[in-house]
Protein backbone atom coordinates (compact mmCIF):
# COMPACT_ATOMS: atom_id res chain seq x y z
CA MET A 1 42.57 115.07 -77.82
CA LEU A 2 43.27 111.69 -76.20
CA THR A 3 42.04 108.76 -78.26
CA LEU A 4 40.17 106.01 -76.45
CA ILE A 5 40.69 102.57 -77.91
CA MET A 6 39.45 99.14 -76.96
CA CYS A 7 41.44 95.93 -77.28
CA SER A 8 40.40 92.36 -76.75
CA VAL A 9 43.88 91.50 -75.52
CA HIS A 10 44.15 92.17 -71.82
CA SER A 11 46.99 94.08 -70.14
CA THR A 12 50.64 93.21 -70.51
CA ALA A 13 51.57 90.46 -68.10
CA GLY A 14 55.15 91.54 -67.52
CA ALA A 15 58.28 93.08 -68.98
CA GLU A 16 59.98 89.78 -69.80
CA PHE A 17 59.25 88.75 -73.36
CA GLN A 18 57.74 85.32 -73.93
CA LYS A 19 57.17 83.80 -77.28
CA THR A 20 53.57 82.91 -78.21
CA LYS A 21 53.18 79.16 -78.44
CA ILE A 22 51.01 78.17 -81.40
CA ALA A 23 50.23 75.14 -83.59
CA VAL A 24 49.88 75.42 -87.38
CA LEU A 25 47.79 72.89 -89.28
CA ASP A 26 48.37 71.90 -92.92
CA PHE A 27 46.64 74.16 -95.42
CA GLU A 28 43.59 72.42 -96.85
CA PRO A 29 43.48 72.25 -100.69
CA ILE A 30 40.04 73.22 -102.06
CA GLY A 31 38.72 73.40 -105.64
CA GLU A 32 40.77 72.51 -108.68
CA LYS A 33 43.71 70.13 -108.32
CA LEU A 34 46.97 71.88 -107.45
CA ASP A 35 50.18 71.22 -109.34
CA THR A 36 51.65 69.32 -106.34
CA SER A 37 49.62 66.84 -104.38
CA ASP A 38 51.16 67.79 -101.00
CA MET A 39 50.98 71.57 -101.60
CA GLY A 40 48.96 72.06 -98.40
CA THR A 41 51.86 70.66 -96.35
CA ILE A 42 54.39 72.72 -98.27
CA LEU A 43 52.43 75.92 -97.73
CA SER A 44 52.17 75.27 -93.99
CA GLU A 45 55.93 74.67 -93.87
CA TRP A 46 56.61 78.02 -95.49
CA PHE A 47 54.08 79.67 -93.21
CA ILE A 48 55.75 78.16 -90.10
CA THR A 49 59.24 79.18 -91.31
CA GLY A 50 58.06 82.83 -91.59
CA LEU A 51 56.59 82.77 -88.10
CA VAL A 52 59.72 81.19 -86.58
CA LYS A 53 62.05 83.62 -88.35
CA SER A 54 60.15 86.55 -86.76
CA GLY A 55 61.50 85.43 -83.38
CA ARG A 56 58.09 85.87 -81.78
CA PHE A 57 56.59 82.43 -81.88
CA ASP A 58 57.16 79.00 -80.42
CA VAL A 59 55.64 76.73 -83.02
CA VAL A 60 54.76 73.14 -82.21
CA GLU A 61 56.96 70.84 -84.32
CA ARG A 62 55.00 69.31 -87.18
CA THR A 63 56.08 65.75 -86.40
CA VAL A 64 54.75 66.14 -82.84
CA LEU A 65 51.49 67.70 -84.19
CA LYS A 66 50.99 64.89 -86.71
CA LYS A 67 51.62 62.24 -83.98
CA ILE A 68 49.06 63.80 -81.65
CA VAL A 69 46.57 64.25 -84.45
CA ALA A 70 46.89 60.60 -85.47
CA GLU A 71 46.56 59.35 -81.93
CA GLN A 72 43.44 61.40 -81.31
CA GLY A 73 41.88 60.61 -84.68
CA LEU A 74 41.68 64.32 -85.62
CA SER A 75 42.27 66.11 -88.88
CA ALA A 76 45.68 67.64 -89.59
CA SER A 77 44.29 69.86 -92.33
CA GLY A 78 42.76 73.34 -92.13
CA ARG A 79 39.34 71.84 -91.42
CA ILE A 80 38.84 71.79 -87.66
CA ASP A 81 35.81 72.08 -85.45
CA GLU A 82 35.34 73.51 -81.94
CA HIS A 83 35.77 70.19 -80.21
CA SER A 84 38.93 69.31 -82.14
CA ALA A 85 40.46 72.73 -81.51
CA GLY A 86 39.90 72.46 -77.76
CA LYS A 87 41.31 68.93 -77.62
CA LEU A 88 44.43 69.83 -79.59
CA GLY A 89 44.95 72.95 -77.51
CA ASN A 90 44.82 71.10 -74.24
CA ILE A 91 47.23 68.33 -75.37
CA LEU A 92 49.76 70.65 -76.98
CA GLY A 93 49.57 73.41 -74.37
CA VAL A 94 48.64 76.10 -76.87
CA LYS A 95 45.82 78.64 -76.75
CA VAL A 96 45.93 79.44 -80.45
CA ILE A 97 45.76 77.26 -83.54
CA ILE A 98 46.32 78.62 -87.01
CA ALA A 99 44.50 76.88 -89.82
CA GLY A 100 44.46 77.63 -93.51
CA SER A 101 43.22 76.69 -96.96
CA VAL A 102 44.35 77.18 -100.54
CA VAL A 103 41.73 77.47 -103.28
CA LYS A 104 42.40 77.17 -106.99
CA ASN A 105 39.59 78.17 -109.32
CA LYS A 106 39.47 79.38 -112.93
CA GLY A 107 43.05 80.65 -113.09
CA VAL A 108 42.97 82.30 -109.67
CA ILE A 109 44.49 81.02 -106.47
CA ALA A 110 43.40 82.24 -103.01
CA MET A 111 45.11 81.51 -99.67
CA ASN A 112 43.24 81.91 -96.44
CA SER A 113 44.38 81.73 -92.83
CA ARG A 114 42.42 81.70 -89.54
CA VAL A 115 43.46 82.27 -85.93
CA ILE A 116 41.40 79.93 -83.72
CA ASN A 117 40.86 80.38 -80.00
CA VAL A 118 41.08 76.80 -78.65
CA GLU A 119 39.00 77.64 -75.57
CA ASN A 120 35.82 78.01 -77.56
CA GLY A 121 36.74 77.26 -81.15
CA SER A 122 35.96 80.74 -82.31
CA ILE A 123 37.87 82.46 -85.19
CA VAL A 124 39.45 85.54 -83.60
CA ALA A 125 41.17 86.76 -86.76
CA SER A 126 41.39 85.85 -90.45
CA GLU A 127 43.33 87.00 -93.49
CA ASN A 128 43.37 86.10 -97.14
CA ILE A 129 45.39 86.88 -100.25
CA HIS A 130 44.71 86.28 -103.96
CA GLY A 131 46.83 85.88 -107.05
CA LYS A 132 46.99 84.28 -110.49
CA ALA A 133 47.28 80.47 -110.59
CA ASP A 134 50.89 80.77 -111.79
CA SER A 135 51.87 83.22 -108.98
CA ASP A 136 54.86 82.67 -106.79
CA LEU A 137 53.18 80.72 -103.99
CA HIS A 138 56.16 81.23 -101.65
CA ALA A 139 55.82 85.00 -102.00
CA LEU A 140 52.07 84.81 -101.42
CA THR A 141 52.64 82.69 -98.33
CA SER A 142 55.12 85.28 -96.97
CA GLU A 143 52.65 88.07 -97.52
CA LEU A 144 49.84 86.10 -95.82
CA THR A 145 52.17 85.39 -92.89
CA GLY A 146 52.83 89.10 -92.45
CA LYS A 147 49.11 89.81 -92.45
CA ILE A 148 48.29 87.17 -89.88
CA MET A 149 51.04 88.42 -87.54
CA ARG A 150 49.05 91.62 -87.02
CA SER A 151 46.93 89.54 -84.66
CA PHE A 152 49.96 89.10 -82.39
CA PRO A 153 51.24 92.56 -81.46
CA LEU A 154 54.37 93.05 -79.41
CA THR A 155 53.63 94.63 -76.01
CA GLY A 156 55.88 96.19 -73.38
CA TYR A 157 56.74 99.33 -71.44
CA VAL A 158 58.38 102.71 -71.85
CA VAL A 159 61.58 102.49 -69.70
CA LYS A 160 63.13 105.86 -70.52
CA ARG A 161 61.92 109.19 -71.91
CA SER A 162 63.97 111.99 -73.55
CA GLU A 163 62.75 115.07 -75.34
CA LYS A 164 61.95 113.49 -78.73
CA SER A 165 62.42 109.73 -78.19
CA VAL A 166 61.73 106.94 -75.74
CA VAL A 167 63.31 103.59 -74.90
CA ILE A 168 61.09 100.52 -74.64
CA ASP A 169 61.79 97.09 -73.09
CA ILE A 170 61.40 95.23 -76.37
CA GLY A 171 64.41 94.41 -78.63
CA LEU A 172 65.90 92.08 -81.19
CA ASP A 173 65.30 89.05 -78.97
CA SER A 174 61.58 89.74 -79.24
CA GLY A 175 61.66 89.69 -83.05
CA LEU A 176 61.41 93.48 -83.31
CA GLY A 177 62.39 94.99 -86.65
CA PRO A 178 63.46 98.59 -87.54
CA GLY A 179 60.65 100.95 -88.64
CA THR A 180 58.05 99.20 -86.44
CA ASP A 181 55.33 101.52 -85.21
CA PHE A 182 53.98 101.40 -81.66
CA ILE A 183 51.08 103.04 -79.93
CA VAL A 184 51.71 104.30 -76.39
CA TYR A 185 48.76 103.93 -74.02
CA ARG A 186 47.58 103.71 -70.46
CA GLU A 187 44.92 101.47 -69.05
CA GLY A 188 41.63 103.03 -68.13
CA GLU A 189 38.38 101.52 -66.81
CA VAL A 190 38.13 97.80 -66.26
CA ILE A 191 35.05 96.46 -68.08
CA LYS A 192 33.25 93.79 -66.07
CA HIS A 193 30.14 91.67 -66.79
CA PRO A 194 27.28 93.17 -64.76
CA LYS A 195 26.01 89.69 -63.78
CA THR A 196 29.12 87.52 -63.27
CA GLY A 197 31.71 90.10 -62.43
CA GLU A 198 34.04 88.60 -65.05
CA VAL A 199 36.62 91.04 -66.48
CA LEU A 200 35.72 91.40 -70.17
CA ASP A 201 38.16 94.04 -71.23
CA VAL A 202 40.28 97.00 -70.17
CA GLU A 203 39.98 100.44 -71.81
CA GLN A 204 43.17 101.60 -73.40
CA ILE A 205 43.78 105.30 -73.71
CA GLU A 206 46.17 106.13 -76.55
CA ILE A 207 48.58 108.95 -75.63
CA GLY A 208 51.07 108.79 -78.48
CA ARG A 209 52.89 106.92 -81.21
CA LEU A 210 56.50 105.84 -81.80
CA ARG A 211 58.61 104.60 -84.69
CA ILE A 212 61.60 102.35 -83.84
CA ASP A 213 64.95 103.41 -85.31
CA ARG A 214 67.56 101.75 -83.07
CA MET A 215 67.63 98.40 -81.36
CA SER A 216 69.74 96.14 -79.13
CA ARG A 217 68.98 92.67 -77.76
CA ASN A 218 66.60 93.77 -75.00
CA VAL A 219 65.62 97.38 -75.68
CA ALA A 220 64.85 99.68 -78.56
CA GLU A 221 64.69 103.42 -79.06
CA GLY A 222 61.84 105.01 -80.89
CA VAL A 223 61.22 108.49 -82.22
CA ILE A 224 58.01 110.06 -80.96
CA VAL A 225 55.87 110.75 -84.03
CA ASP A 226 52.69 111.84 -82.24
CA GLU A 227 51.77 112.96 -78.70
CA GLN A 228 50.39 115.73 -76.65
CA PRO A 229 53.41 117.60 -75.24
CA GLY A 230 54.93 115.77 -72.31
CA THR A 231 52.24 113.08 -72.18
CA ILE A 232 54.40 109.97 -72.58
CA GLN A 233 56.12 108.85 -69.41
CA THR A 234 58.24 106.06 -68.03
CA GLY A 235 55.93 103.12 -67.20
CA ASP A 236 53.43 103.72 -70.04
CA LEU A 237 52.44 100.68 -72.08
CA VAL A 238 53.33 100.13 -75.76
CA LYS A 239 51.86 97.89 -78.44
CA SER A 240 53.14 97.32 -81.97
CA VAL A 241 51.04 98.24 -84.94
CA GLN A 242 51.96 96.45 -88.18
CA LYS A 243 51.77 98.50 -91.36
CA LYS A 244 49.19 97.29 -93.88
């Protein structure tokens, strides 16, 4: 049976991969005093490094971000309101801002991260992780980075089909890693607002799943792990699904 899924991200714009441009604010320290006074800045640096290493993000340089924040009289920490998010987004040319906080309380440390839509200041995704106060904060940050990246799936097309595998137009240059799982889908009905006619979403009909085992710069080959026989075809859409 075909699975009908909905996704708030609209259809793939094109085959050429473009990095997602984002801004990352300093993590806001909350609760008990941390061992290092500038730990919020350090955590954001580790977080940014993880995003950049993935090859999928164009992150606004921190010095540029701090300069703009100072000029506009805004907060560079994880505390940001709807107005500030929109203002920063317009100036920096980003649609997404990632903010975070680190909380230390009674021997436990918690790290939280939020993906903020700058158009309306809404939180479109959030992740958190907990550990003991003496935990390796670098390792916790890396784990949190991996979680938040689920909000930014890789999308592309099937460009070749064989009996048990397919080739997609996403490769190493897109930050793709071996073992990545993809759903294969086709677009269905366009969902429009009954009053305004605005396109709200597009139905996505899942027709199979892949697991990547070979890659080059611009393409990758994936083994078909699930489909109705002969369903997947050249031109079908694919979207990465990060393992939890």
